[in-house]
Amino acid sequence: MYALGTHLLVELRDCNPAILRSLENVRDALVSAAKEAKATIIDISFHEFNPFGISGMVVIAESHLSIHTWPEYNYAAVDIFTCGDVIKPEVAAASIIERFESKSPSMVEMKRGILSHENVKLPHKVSPSVLEPVV
């Protein structure tokens, strides 16, 4: 089966709440995870909520890493979506699990954009010929 991308849904339970409250720590953890996975970072955006909680996204050429934290529950939800087979999303996930000191992490892997059951590889970046209008 060939898919356009891999989407990891990462549940981080029993995390260090001080880390989950820190905008700097949360941002640094996701950016570092993207770099460790050898992703190409395009944009970074994070927001700190009052009284607590952080949401953020690291947009990568290969898709994205996103997070929502609930420090009051020692919990964070992380999505890691990568296209193609160059980036290893499990490397990013392992880095994030370690950085948040999650004692009870779990992960679900979903294949996105299932196109074929044959062993066919498709490019994950659009070539100019794909952009030509159909007449």
Protein backbone atom coordinates (compact mmCIF):
# COMPACT_ATOMS: atom_id res chain seq x y z
CA MET A 1 0.00 0.00 0.00
CA TYR A 2 1.34 3.46 -0.89
CA ALA A 3 0.19 6.63 0.82
CA LEU A 4 1.06 10.29 0.31
CA GLY A 5 1.90 10.74 3.97
CA THR A 6 2.14 9.43 7.49
CA HIS A 7 0.21 11.10 10.30
CA LEU A 8 1.21 10.33 13.88
CA LEU A 9 -1.30 11.15 16.61
CA VAL A 10 0.77 11.37 19.78
CA GLU A 11 -0.89 11.38 23.22
CA LEU A 12 1.44 12.67 25.92
CA ARG A 13 0.11 11.87 29.38
CA ASP A 14 1.81 12.41 32.74
CA CYS A 15 4.07 15.16 31.39
CA ASN A 16 6.05 17.69 33.38
CA PRO A 17 3.52 20.54 33.79
CA ALA A 18 6.24 23.21 34.10
CA ILE A 19 7.45 22.31 30.61
CA LEU A 20 3.89 22.33 29.22
CA ARG A 21 3.36 25.87 30.64
CA SER A 22 6.49 27.34 29.07
CA LEU A 23 6.01 28.83 25.61
CA GLU A 24 9.77 28.82 25.08
CA ASN A 25 10.12 25.13 26.05
CA VAL A 26 7.15 24.01 23.94
CA ARG A 27 8.30 25.94 20.87
CA ASP A 28 11.88 24.73 21.26
CA ALA A 29 10.75 21.09 21.65
CA LEU A 30 8.78 21.11 18.39
CA VAL A 31 11.38 23.03 16.40
CA SER A 32 14.13 20.71 17.68
CA ALA A 33 12.03 17.65 16.82
CA ALA A 34 11.54 18.90 13.26
CA LYS A 35 15.27 19.48 12.91
CA GLU A 36 16.13 16.06 14.35
CA ALA A 37 13.78 14.46 11.79
CA LYS A 38 15.65 16.42 9.07
CA ALA A 39 12.53 18.34 8.07
CA THR A 40 12.67 21.64 6.18
CA ILE A 41 11.15 24.31 8.44
CA ILE A 42 9.03 26.88 6.59
CA ASP A 43 7.21 28.74 9.39
CA ILE A 44 6.73 28.66 13.17
CA SER A 45 3.69 29.96 15.05
CA PHE A 46 2.80 29.51 18.74
CA HIS A 47 0.25 31.09 21.07
CA GLU A 48 0.10 31.09 24.87
CA PHE A 49 -3.39 31.11 26.40
CA ASN A 50 -4.39 32.77 29.67
CA PRO A 51 -4.36 31.35 32.31
CA PHE A 52 -2.43 28.47 30.71
CA GLY A 53 -2.05 26.23 27.71
CA ILE A 54 -0.13 26.57 24.48
CA SER A 55 -1.02 25.82 20.87
CA GLY A 56 1.51 25.86 18.11
CA MET A 57 2.57 24.67 14.73
CA VAL A 58 5.81 24.15 12.90
CA VAL A 59 5.08 24.18 9.18
CA ILE A 60 7.57 22.06 7.29
CA ALA A 61 8.00 21.55 3.54
CA GLU A 62 6.96 17.96 4.18
CA SER A 63 3.75 19.03 6.07
CA HIS A 64 3.58 19.97 9.80
CA LEU A 65 4.05 19.35 13.52
CA SER A 66 1.36 20.74 15.84
CA ILE A 67 0.70 20.74 19.58
CA HIS A 68 -1.94 21.71 22.13
CA THR A 69 -0.98 21.60 25.82
CA TRP A 70 -3.13 21.28 28.93
CA PRO A 71 -0.64 21.76 31.79
CA GLU A 72 -3.47 21.54 34.34
CA TYR A 73 -3.92 17.90 33.24
CA ASN A 74 -0.21 17.17 32.56
CA TYR A 75 -1.27 16.42 28.98
CA ALA A 76 -0.35 17.42 25.43
CA ALA A 77 -1.77 16.37 22.07
CA VAL A 78 0.74 16.31 19.21
CA ASP A 79 0.20 15.72 15.49
CA ILE A 80 3.10 14.97 13.19
CA PHE A 81 2.20 14.75 9.51
CA THR A 82 4.91 14.08 6.94
CA CYS A 83 4.62 13.52 3.20
CA GLY A 84 6.86 11.21 1.25
CA ASP A 85 9.34 8.79 2.75
CA VAL A 86 12.34 11.05 3.35
CA ILE A 87 11.36 12.37 6.79
CA LYS A 88 10.98 9.94 9.67
CA PRO A 89 8.09 11.18 11.85
CA GLU A 90 8.88 8.64 14.56
CA VAL A 91 12.20 10.43 15.18
CA ALA A 92 10.31 13.67 15.84
CA ALA A 93 7.81 11.85 18.08
CA ALA A 94 10.54 10.25 20.20
CA SER A 95 12.21 13.62 20.65
CA ILE A 96 8.97 15.30 21.76
CA ILE A 97 8.08 12.47 24.17
CA GLU A 98 11.49 12.83 25.81
CA ARG A 99 11.40 16.65 25.97
CA PHE A 100 8.00 16.70 27.71
CA GLU A 101 9.05 13.91 30.11
CA SER A 102 5.87 12.00 29.30
CA LYS A 103 5.56 8.94 31.53
CA SER A 104 2.59 7.51 29.58
CA PRO A 105 2.88 8.30 25.89
CA SER A 106 0.90 6.56 23.18
CA MET A 107 0.88 6.89 19.44
CA VAL A 108 -1.43 6.02 16.56
CA GLU A 109 -0.11 5.97 13.00
CA MET A 110 -2.42 6.74 10.11
CA LYS A 111 -1.56 6.54 6.44
CA ARG A 112 -3.03 9.55 4.64
CA GLY A 113 -3.87 9.72 0.96
CA ILE A 114 -3.85 6.00 0.27
CA LEU A 115 -3.51 5.81 -3.48
CA SER A 116 -2.53 2.29 -4.35
CA HIS A 117 -1.96 -1.18 -3.06
CA GLU A 118 0.87 -1.51 -5.54
CA ASN A 119 4.45 -0.68 -4.76
CA VAL A 120 4.32 2.65 -6.60
CA LYS A 121 6.21 5.70 -5.40
CA LEU A 122 4.81 9.11 -6.20
CA PRO A 123 6.61 12.42 -5.70
CA HIS A 124 5.51 14.34 -2.61
CA LYS A 125 6.34 17.68 -4.24
CA VAL A 126 4.43 18.92 -7.25
CA SER A 127 6.28 19.00 -10.54
CA PRO A 128 5.62 21.86 -13.00
CA SER A 129 3.81 19.51 -15.42
CA VAL A 130 1.14 18.84 -12.80
CA LEU A 131 0.35 22.56 -12.63
CA GLU A 132 -0.38 22.89 -16.36
CA PRO A 133 -4.08 23.59 -17.07
CA VAL A 134 -6.18 20.84 -18.55
CA VAL A 135 -7.70 21.86 -21.90
